[in-house]
Amino acid sequence: MRMIGITLVALAGNMWQNSKLTNAAGIKFVGRVMFLSALALGLLTIFIPAELAPFTIFYAVIGLGFALAYLINLTRK
């Protein structure tokens, strides 16, 4: 349920931003929302109360990889 909530926050932030602004500041806002959402999903996947299986680790790495990609692109000019 938490993962669904995080995903819905990310989608709601993107939809709200895209409906209001279409400039560089808007794109940065969307990037920040997606960075936080991807980071939260990756961390939540790691800390689920279950044994970490290879699929779970792979899924977390994908989420954290997306977070890293957003962070790198947010810090670039």
N, C-alpha and C. Protein backbone atom coordinates (compact mmCIF):
# COMPACT_ATOMS: atom_id res chain seq x y z
N MET A 1 0.82 -1.19 0.00
CA MET A 1 0.00 0.00 0.00
C MET A 1 0.87 1.26 0.00
N ARG A 2 1.98 1.22 0.72
CA ARG A 2 2.85 2.40 0.74
C ARG A 2 3.46 2.66 -0.64
N MET A 3 3.82 1.57 -1.32
CA MET A 3 4.41 1.74 -2.64
C MET A 3 3.39 2.33 -3.62
N ILE A 4 2.15 1.90 -3.51
CA ILE A 4 1.11 2.47 -4.36
C ILE A 4 0.92 3.95 -4.03
N GLY A 5 0.94 4.28 -2.74
CA GLY A 5 0.81 5.68 -2.33
C GLY A 5 1.93 6.55 -2.89
N ILE A 6 3.15 6.07 -2.83
CA ILE A 6 4.29 6.83 -3.36
C ILE A 6 4.13 7.04 -4.85
N THR A 7 3.72 5.99 -5.55
CA THR A 7 3.52 6.09 -6.99
C THR A 7 2.42 7.10 -7.33
N LEU A 8 1.34 7.09 -6.55
CA LEU A 8 0.26 8.04 -6.81
C LEU A 8 0.69 9.47 -6.54
N VAL A 9 1.52 9.69 -5.52
CA VAL A 9 2.03 11.04 -5.26
C VAL A 9 2.87 11.51 -6.44
N ALA A 10 3.72 10.64 -6.95
CA ALA A 10 4.55 11.01 -8.10
C ALA A 10 3.70 11.35 -9.32
N LEU A 11 2.72 10.52 -9.59
CA LEU A 11 1.85 10.78 -10.74
C LEU A 11 1.03 12.05 -10.55
N ALA A 12 0.52 12.27 -9.35
CA ALA A 12 -0.27 13.47 -9.09
C ALA A 12 0.59 14.72 -9.24
N GLY A 13 1.83 14.68 -8.72
CA GLY A 13 2.74 15.81 -8.86
C GLY A 13 3.04 16.11 -10.31
N ASN A 14 3.26 15.08 -11.09
CA ASN A 14 3.55 15.28 -12.51
C ASN A 14 2.34 15.83 -13.26
N MET A 15 1.18 15.28 -13.00
CA MET A 15 -0.01 15.77 -13.69
C MET A 15 -0.32 17.21 -13.32
N TRP A 16 -0.20 17.55 -12.04
CA TRP A 16 -0.46 18.91 -11.60
C TRP A 16 0.53 19.87 -12.26
N GLN A 17 1.81 19.52 -12.24
CA GLN A 17 2.83 20.40 -12.80
C GLN A 17 2.65 20.56 -14.30
N ASN A 18 2.41 19.48 -14.99
CA ASN A 18 2.26 19.56 -16.44
C ASN A 18 1.04 20.36 -16.85
N SER A 19 0.02 20.40 -16.01
CA SER A 19 -1.17 21.18 -16.35
C SER A 19 -0.97 22.66 -16.07
N LYS A 20 -0.01 23.04 -15.25
CA LYS A 20 0.20 24.44 -14.86
C LYS A 20 1.32 25.14 -15.62
N LEU A 21 2.47 24.50 -15.69
CA LEU A 21 3.65 25.14 -16.27
C LEU A 21 4.31 24.25 -17.31
N THR A 22 4.90 24.88 -18.30
CA THR A 22 5.66 24.13 -19.30
C THR A 22 6.99 24.82 -19.56
N ASN A 23 7.68 25.18 -18.50
CA ASN A 23 8.97 25.84 -18.65
C ASN A 23 10.05 25.06 -17.89
N ALA A 24 11.26 25.59 -17.84
CA ALA A 24 12.38 24.89 -17.20
C ALA A 24 12.13 24.67 -15.71
N ALA A 25 11.50 25.62 -15.04
CA ALA A 25 11.21 25.45 -13.62
C ALA A 25 10.23 24.30 -13.41
N GLY A 26 9.28 24.16 -14.30
CA GLY A 26 8.32 23.06 -14.22
C GLY A 26 8.98 21.71 -14.40
N ILE A 27 9.91 21.65 -15.34
CA ILE A 27 10.63 20.39 -15.57
C ILE A 27 11.47 20.03 -14.36
N LYS A 28 12.11 21.02 -13.73
CA LYS A 28 12.89 20.75 -12.52
C LYS A 28 12.00 20.24 -11.39
N PHE A 29 10.82 20.82 -11.25
CA PHE A 29 9.89 20.38 -10.22
C PHE A 29 9.50 18.92 -10.43
N VAL A 30 9.18 18.58 -11.66
CA VAL A 30 8.83 17.20 -11.99
C VAL A 30 10.01 16.27 -11.70
N GLY A 31 11.21 16.70 -12.04
CA GLY A 31 12.40 15.91 -11.75
C GLY A 31 12.60 15.67 -10.26
N ARG A 32 12.33 16.69 -9.44
CA ARG A 32 12.44 16.53 -7.99
C ARG A 32 11.40 15.56 -7.45
N VAL A 33 10.18 15.69 -7.94
CA VAL A 33 9.12 14.77 -7.51
C VAL A 33 9.48 13.34 -7.87
N MET A 34 9.95 13.14 -9.08
CA MET A 34 10.30 11.79 -9.52
C MET A 34 11.52 11.25 -8.78
N PHE A 35 12.51 12.11 -8.48
CA PHE A 35 13.67 11.69 -7.70
C PHE A 35 13.24 11.19 -6.33
N LEU A 36 12.42 11.98 -5.65
CA LEU A 36 11.97 11.58 -4.31
C LEU A 36 11.13 10.31 -4.36
N SER A 37 10.30 10.19 -5.36
CA SER A 37 9.46 9.00 -5.48
C SER A 37 10.29 7.75 -5.78
N ALA A 38 11.21 7.86 -6.71
CA ALA A 38 12.06 6.71 -7.05
C ALA A 38 12.93 6.31 -5.86
N LEU A 39 13.46 7.30 -5.14
CA LEU A 39 14.27 7.01 -3.95
C LEU A 39 13.42 6.33 -2.88
N ALA A 40 12.22 6.84 -2.65
CA ALA A 40 11.34 6.25 -1.64
C ALA A 40 10.96 4.82 -2.01
N LEU A 41 10.66 4.58 -3.27
CA LEU A 41 10.31 3.22 -3.70
C LEU A 41 11.48 2.27 -3.55
N GLY A 42 12.67 2.72 -3.92
CA GLY A 42 13.86 1.87 -3.76
C GLY A 42 14.15 1.54 -2.32
N LEU A 43 14.08 2.55 -1.45
CA LEU A 43 14.34 2.31 -0.03
C LEU A 43 13.25 1.46 0.61
N LEU A 44 12.03 1.71 0.24
CA LEU A 44 10.93 0.93 0.79
C LEU A 44 11.04 -0.53 0.38
N THR A 45 11.48 -0.77 -0.84
CA THR A 45 11.66 -2.14 -1.30
C THR A 45 12.73 -2.86 -0.49
N ILE A 46 13.79 -2.15 -0.14
CA ILE A 46 14.87 -2.77 0.65
C ILE A 46 14.40 -3.08 2.06
N PHE A 47 13.58 -2.20 2.63
CA PHE A 47 13.19 -2.35 4.03
C PHE A 47 11.85 -3.05 4.24
N ILE A 48 11.35 -3.75 3.24
CA ILE A 48 10.11 -4.49 3.45
C ILE A 48 10.38 -5.59 4.46
N PRO A 49 9.39 -5.92 5.29
CA PRO A 49 9.62 -6.93 6.34
C PRO A 49 9.55 -8.35 5.79
N ALA A 50 10.50 -8.68 4.93
CA ALA A 50 10.58 -10.01 4.36
C ALA A 50 12.03 -10.28 3.98
N GLU A 51 12.31 -11.53 3.70
CA GLU A 51 13.67 -11.89 3.29
C GLU A 51 13.96 -11.29 1.91
N LEU A 52 15.15 -10.73 1.77
CA LEU A 52 15.52 -10.13 0.49
C LEU A 52 15.86 -11.24 -0.50
N ALA A 53 15.06 -11.37 -1.52
CA ALA A 53 15.28 -12.33 -2.59
C ALA A 53 15.98 -11.61 -3.75
N PRO A 54 16.54 -12.36 -4.68
CA PRO A 54 17.20 -11.71 -5.82
C PRO A 54 16.29 -10.74 -6.58
N PHE A 55 15.01 -11.10 -6.76
CA PHE A 55 14.09 -10.20 -7.45
C PHE A 55 13.91 -8.90 -6.67
N THR A 56 13.78 -9.00 -5.35
CA THR A 56 13.58 -7.82 -4.52
C THR A 56 14.79 -6.89 -4.62
N ILE A 57 15.97 -7.46 -4.57
CA ILE A 57 17.19 -6.65 -4.69
C ILE A 57 17.27 -6.01 -6.07
N PHE A 58 16.96 -6.78 -7.10
CA PHE A 58 16.96 -6.25 -8.48
C PHE A 58 15.96 -5.10 -8.62
N TYR A 59 14.78 -5.28 -8.06
CA TYR A 59 13.73 -4.25 -8.12
C TYR A 59 14.17 -2.99 -7.40
N ALA A 60 14.81 -3.15 -6.25
CA ALA A 60 15.30 -1.99 -5.49
C ALA A 60 16.41 -1.28 -6.26
N VAL A 61 17.30 -2.04 -6.88
CA VAL A 61 18.40 -1.43 -7.65
C VAL A 61 17.84 -0.62 -8.82
N ILE A 62 16.79 -1.12 -9.46
CA ILE A 62 16.18 -0.37 -10.56
C ILE A 62 15.62 0.95 -10.04
N GLY A 63 14.87 0.91 -8.93
CA GLY A 63 14.31 2.14 -8.36
C GLY A 63 15.38 3.12 -7.95
N LEU A 64 16.43 2.62 -7.29
CA LEU A 64 17.51 3.51 -6.86
C LEU A 64 18.31 4.01 -8.06
N GLY A 65 18.39 3.21 -9.12
CA GLY A 65 19.05 3.66 -10.35
C GLY A 65 18.31 4.83 -10.99
N PHE A 66 16.98 4.74 -11.00
CA PHE A 66 16.19 5.85 -11.52
C PHE A 66 16.39 7.09 -10.65
N ALA A 67 16.43 6.91 -9.34
CA ALA A 67 16.65 8.05 -8.44
C ALA A 67 18.00 8.69 -8.73
N LEU A 68 19.02 7.87 -8.93
CA LEU A 68 20.35 8.39 -9.23
C LEU A 68 20.36 9.13 -10.57
N ALA A 69 19.67 8.59 -11.55
CA ALA A 69 19.60 9.26 -12.87
C ALA A 69 18.92 10.62 -12.75
N TYR A 70 17.82 10.68 -11.99
CA TYR A 70 17.15 11.97 -11.79
C TYR A 70 18.05 12.94 -11.06
N LEU A 71 18.76 12.47 -10.02
CA LEU A 71 19.64 13.33 -9.26
C LEU A 71 20.77 13.88 -10.13
N ILE A 72 21.37 13.04 -10.93
CA ILE A 72 22.45 13.47 -11.82
C ILE A 72 21.95 14.53 -12.78
N ASN A 73 20.80 14.30 -13.36
CA ASN A 73 20.27 15.27 -14.33
C ASN A 73 19.77 16.55 -13.68
N LEU A 74 19.34 16.47 -12.41
CA LEU A 74 18.93 17.69 -11.72
C LEU A 74 20.13 18.58 -11.38
N THR A 75 21.28 17.98 -11.15
CA THR A 75 22.46 18.77 -10.79
C THR A 75 23.22 19.29 -12.01
N ARG A 76 22.93 18.76 -13.18
CA ARG A 76 23.58 19.25 -14.40
C ARG A 76 22.92 20.54 -14.86
N LYS A 77 23.67 21.35 -15.56
CA LYS A 77 23.13 22.60 -16.09
C LYS A 77 22.36 22.38 -17.36
